[in-house]
Amino acid sequence: MECLEVLVPTIEERFDILVQLDSYHNEVGEFGTSLVIIPKRKNIM
């Protein structure tokens, strides 16, 4: 599974990123000052 880890220094920046990612239906986990982003795959038939 592919994921992206992003270091985010401030709470405000983290919140802005979380709001934007949620609008694209990504799975996001918070680990301290890092966000781990797992893009959702679309099923292709």
PDB file of N, CA and C in Angstrom:
ATOM      1  N   MET A   1       0.849  -1.178   0.000  1.00  0.00           N
ATOM      2  CA  MET A   1       0.000   0.000   0.000  1.00  0.00           C
ATOM      3  C   MET A   1       0.891   1.236   0.000  1.00  0.00           C
ATOM      4  N   GLU A   2       0.617   2.154  -0.896  1.00  0.00           N
ATOM      5  CA  GLU A   2       1.390   3.382  -0.974  1.00  0.00           C
ATOM      6  C   GLU A   2       0.885   4.390   0.040  1.00  0.00           C
ATOM      7  N   CYS A   3       1.815   5.143   0.623  1.00  0.00           N
ATOM      8  CA  CYS A   3       1.419   6.215   1.519  1.00  0.00           C
ATOM      9  C   CYS A   3       2.443   7.334   1.433  1.00  0.00           C
ATOM     10  N   LEU A   4       2.065   8.482   1.914  1.00  0.00           N
ATOM     11  CA  LEU A   4       2.913   9.661   1.905  1.00  0.00           C
ATOM     12  C   LEU A   4       2.962  10.218   3.313  1.00  0.00           C
ATOM     13  N   GLU A   5       4.162  10.473   3.817  1.00  0.00           N
ATOM     14  CA  GLU A   5       4.302  11.069   5.144  1.00  0.00           C
ATOM     15  C   GLU A   5       4.740  12.514   4.974  1.00  0.00           C
ATOM     16  N   VAL A   6       4.028  13.425   5.612  1.00  0.00           N
ATOM     17  CA  VAL A   6       4.298  14.852   5.494  1.00  0.00           C
ATOM     18  C   VAL A   6       4.545  15.417   6.887  1.00  0.00           C
ATOM     19  N   LEU A   7       5.660  16.119   7.075  1.00  0.00           N
ATOM     20  CA  LEU A   7       5.926  16.787   8.350  1.00  0.00           C
ATOM     21  C   LEU A   7       5.225  18.136   8.344  1.00  0.00           C
ATOM     22  N   VAL A   8       4.393  18.372   9.342  1.00  0.00           N
ATOM     23  CA  VAL A   8       3.605  19.600   9.419  1.00  0.00           C
ATOM     24  C   VAL A   8       3.918  20.283  10.754  1.00  0.00           C
ATOM     25  N   PRO A   9       4.583  21.454  10.725  1.00  0.00           N
ATOM     26  CA  PRO A   9       5.067  22.059  11.962  1.00  0.00           C
ATOM     27  C   PRO A   9       4.011  22.692  12.865  1.00  0.00           C
ATOM     28  N   THR A  10       2.915  23.193  12.313  1.00  0.00           N
ATOM     29  CA  THR A  10       1.941  23.881  13.167  1.00  0.00           C
ATOM     30  C   THR A  10       0.566  23.231  13.098  1.00  0.00           C
ATOM     31  N   ILE A  11      -0.195  23.404  14.159  1.00  0.00           N
ATOM     32  CA  ILE A  11      -1.548  22.845  14.227  1.00  0.00           C
ATOM     33  C   ILE A  11      -2.433  23.458  13.152  1.00  0.00           C
ATOM     34  N   GLU A  12      -2.278  24.757  12.894  1.00  0.00           N
ATOM     35  CA  GLU A  12      -3.107  25.423  11.887  1.00  0.00           C
ATOM     36  C   GLU A  12      -2.875  24.826  10.506  1.00  0.00           C
ATOM     37  N   GLU A  13      -1.603  24.606  10.152  1.00  0.00           N
ATOM     38  CA  GLU A  13      -1.295  24.006   8.853  1.00  0.00           C
ATOM     39  C   GLU A  13      -1.839  22.585   8.772  1.00  0.00           C
ATOM     40  N   ARG A  14      -1.714  21.849   9.866  1.00  0.00           N
ATOM     41  CA  ARG A  14      -2.210  20.471   9.895  1.00  0.00           C
ATOM     42  C   ARG A  14      -3.715  20.449   9.666  1.00  0.00           C
ATOM     43  N   PHE A  15      -4.444  21.357  10.318  1.00  0.00           N
ATOM     44  CA  PHE A  15      -5.898  21.413  10.168  1.00  0.00           C
ATOM     45  C   PHE A  15      -6.278  21.738   8.725  1.00  0.00           C
ATOM     46  N   ASP A  16      -5.588  22.718   8.121  1.00  0.00           N
ATOM     47  CA  ASP A  16      -5.871  23.080   6.729  1.00  0.00           C
ATOM     48  C   ASP A  16      -5.654  21.897   5.796  1.00  0.00           C
ATOM     49  N   ILE A  17      -4.576  21.167   6.010  1.00  0.00           N
ATOM     50  CA  ILE A  17      -4.284  20.000   5.171  1.00  0.00           C
ATOM     51  C   ILE A  17      -5.330  18.911   5.380  1.00  0.00           C
ATOM     52  N   LEU A  18      -5.713  18.662   6.639  1.00  0.00           N
ATOM     53  CA  LEU A  18      -6.723  17.634   6.919  1.00  0.00           C
ATOM     54  C   LEU A  18      -8.046  17.951   6.241  1.00  0.00           C
ATOM     55  N   VAL A  19      -8.463  19.210   6.261  1.00  0.00           N
ATOM     56  CA  VAL A  19      -9.723  19.607   5.624  1.00  0.00           C
ATOM     57  C   VAL A  19      -9.646  19.366   4.123  1.00  0.00           C
ATOM     58  N   GLN A  20      -8.539  19.746   3.504  1.00  0.00           N
ATOM     59  CA  GLN A  20      -8.394  19.552   2.059  1.00  0.00           C
ATOM     60  C   GLN A  20      -8.354  18.075   1.694  1.00  0.00           C
ATOM     61  N   LEU A  21      -7.630  17.279   2.469  1.00  0.00           N
ATOM     62  CA  LEU A  21      -7.537  15.851   2.171  1.00  0.00           C
ATOM     63  C   LEU A  21      -8.872  15.153   2.348  1.00  0.00           C
ATOM     64  N   ASP A  22      -9.631  15.551   3.363  1.00  0.00           N
ATOM     65  CA  ASP A  22     -10.927  14.936   3.606  1.00  0.00           C
ATOM     66  C   ASP A  22     -11.861  15.159   2.430  1.00  0.00           C
ATOM     67  N   SER A  23     -11.751  16.308   1.762  1.00  0.00           N
ATOM     68  CA  SER A  23     -12.630  16.584   0.627  1.00  0.00           C
ATOM     69  C   SER A  23     -12.325  15.657  -0.551  1.00  0.00           C
ATOM     70  N   TYR A  24     -11.135  15.052  -0.557  1.00  0.00           N
ATOM     71  CA  TYR A  24     -10.782  14.090  -1.603  1.00  0.00           C
ATOM     72  C   TYR A  24     -10.919  12.647  -1.123  1.00  0.00           C
ATOM     73  N   HIS A  25     -11.471  12.443   0.067  1.00  0.00           N
ATOM     74  CA  HIS A  25     -11.748  11.114   0.622  1.00  0.00           C
ATOM     75  C   HIS A  25     -10.492  10.262   0.794  1.00  0.00           C
ATOM     76  N   ASN A  26      -9.424  10.871   1.292  1.00  0.00           N
ATOM     77  CA  ASN A  26      -8.210  10.131   1.617  1.00  0.00           C
ATOM     78  C   ASN A  26      -8.278   9.661   3.061  1.00  0.00           C
ATOM     79  N   GLU A  27      -7.518   8.634   3.373  1.00  0.00           N
ATOM     80  CA  GLU A  27      -7.384   8.205   4.759  1.00  0.00           C
ATOM     81  C   GLU A  27      -6.144   8.887   5.322  1.00  0.00           C
ATOM     82  N   VAL A  28      -6.295   9.528   6.478  1.00  0.00           N
ATOM     83  CA  VAL A  28      -5.187  10.279   7.059  1.00  0.00           C
ATOM     84  C   VAL A  28      -5.014   9.887   8.518  1.00  0.00           C
ATOM     85  N   GLY A  29      -3.786   9.635   8.914  1.00  0.00           N
ATOM     86  CA  GLY A  29      -3.478   9.372  10.313  1.00  0.00           C
ATOM     87  C   GLY A  29      -2.509  10.420  10.822  1.00  0.00           C
ATOM     88  N   GLU A  30      -2.682  10.834  12.066  1.00  0.00           N
ATOM     89  CA  GLU A  30      -1.780  11.817  12.662  1.00  0.00           C
ATOM     90  C   GLU A  30      -0.826  11.121  13.615  1.00  0.00           C
ATOM     91  N   PHE A  31       0.454  11.404  13.470  1.00  0.00           N
ATOM     92  CA  PHE A  31       1.479  10.849  14.344  1.00  0.00           C
ATOM     93  C   PHE A  31       2.401  11.983  14.765  1.00  0.00           C
ATOM     94  N   GLY A  32       2.125  12.610  15.888  1.00  0.00           N
ATOM     95  CA  GLY A  32       2.928  13.744  16.344  1.00  0.00           C
ATOM     96  C   GLY A  32       2.798  14.915  15.384  1.00  0.00           C
ATOM     97  N   THR A  33       3.918  15.302  14.771  1.00  0.00           N
ATOM     98  CA  THR A  33       3.874  16.407  13.807  1.00  0.00           C
ATOM     99  C   THR A  33       3.820  15.898  12.374  1.00  0.00           C
ATOM    100  N   SER A  34       3.579  14.607  12.189  1.00  0.00           N
ATOM    101  CA  SER A  34       3.497  14.040  10.846  1.00  0.00           C
ATOM    102  C   SER A  34       2.062  13.671  10.506  1.00  0.00           C
ATOM    103  N   LEU A  35       1.740  13.774   9.237  1.00  0.00           N
ATOM    104  CA  LEU A  35       0.484  13.240   8.711  1.00  0.00           C
ATOM    105  C   LEU A  35       0.858  12.109   7.765  1.00  0.00           C
ATOM    106  N   VAL A  36       0.200  10.978   7.878  1.00  0.00           N
ATOM    107  CA  VAL A  36       0.408   9.887   6.944  1.00  0.00           C
ATOM    108  C   VAL A  36      -0.847   9.784   6.096  1.00  0.00           C
ATOM    109  N   ILE A  37      -0.667   9.908   4.779  1.00  0.00           N
ATOM    110  CA  ILE A  37      -1.787   9.986   3.848  1.00  0.00           C
ATOM    111  C   ILE A  37      -1.822   8.715   3.010  1.00  0.00           C
ATOM    112  N   ILE A  38      -2.966   8.051   3.003  1.00  0.00           N
ATOM    113  CA  ILE A  38      -3.149   6.851   2.195  1.00  0.00           C
ATOM    114  C   ILE A  38      -4.264   7.142   1.194  1.00  0.00           C
ATOM    115  N   PRO A  39      -3.907   7.295  -0.087  1.00  0.00           N
ATOM    116  CA  PRO A  39      -4.939   7.580  -1.076  1.00  0.00           C
ATOM    117  C   PRO A  39      -5.860   6.383  -1.267  1.00  0.00           C
ATOM    118  N   LYS A  40      -7.145   6.642  -1.414  1.00  0.00           N
ATOM    119  CA  LYS A  40      -8.099   5.567  -1.670  1.00  0.00           C
ATOM    120  C   LYS A  40      -8.057   5.223  -3.150  1.00  0.00           C
ATOM    121  N   ARG A  41      -8.001   3.951  -3.423  1.00  0.00           N
ATOM    122  CA  ARG A  41      -7.972   3.497  -4.820  1.00  0.00           C
ATOM    123  C   ARG A  41      -9.398   3.301  -5.310  1.00  0.00           C
ATOM    124  N   LYS A  42      -9.612   3.668  -6.564  1.00  0.00           N
ATOM    125  CA  LYS A  42     -10.926   3.457  -7.169  1.00  0.00           C
ATOM    126  C   LYS A  42     -10.908   2.111  -7.890  1.00  0.00           C
ATOM    127  N   ASN A  43     -11.963   1.347  -7.720  1.00  0.00           N
ATOM    128  CA  ASN A  43     -12.066   0.065  -8.417  1.00  0.00           C
ATOM    129  C   ASN A  43     -12.399   0.312  -9.877  1.00  0.00           C
ATOM    130  N   ILE A  44     -11.629  -0.321 -10.747  1.00  0.00           N
ATOM    131  CA  ILE A  44     -11.860  -0.178 -12.185  1.00  0.00           C
ATOM    132  C   ILE A  44     -12.391  -1.503 -12.701  1.00  0.00           C
ATOM    133  N   MET A  45     -13.564  -1.468 -13.324  1.00  0.00           N
ATOM    134  CA  MET A  45     -14.168  -2.699 -13.849  1.00  0.00           C
ATOM    135  C   MET A  45     -14.072  -2.706 -15.343  1.00  0.00           C
TER     136      MET A  45
END
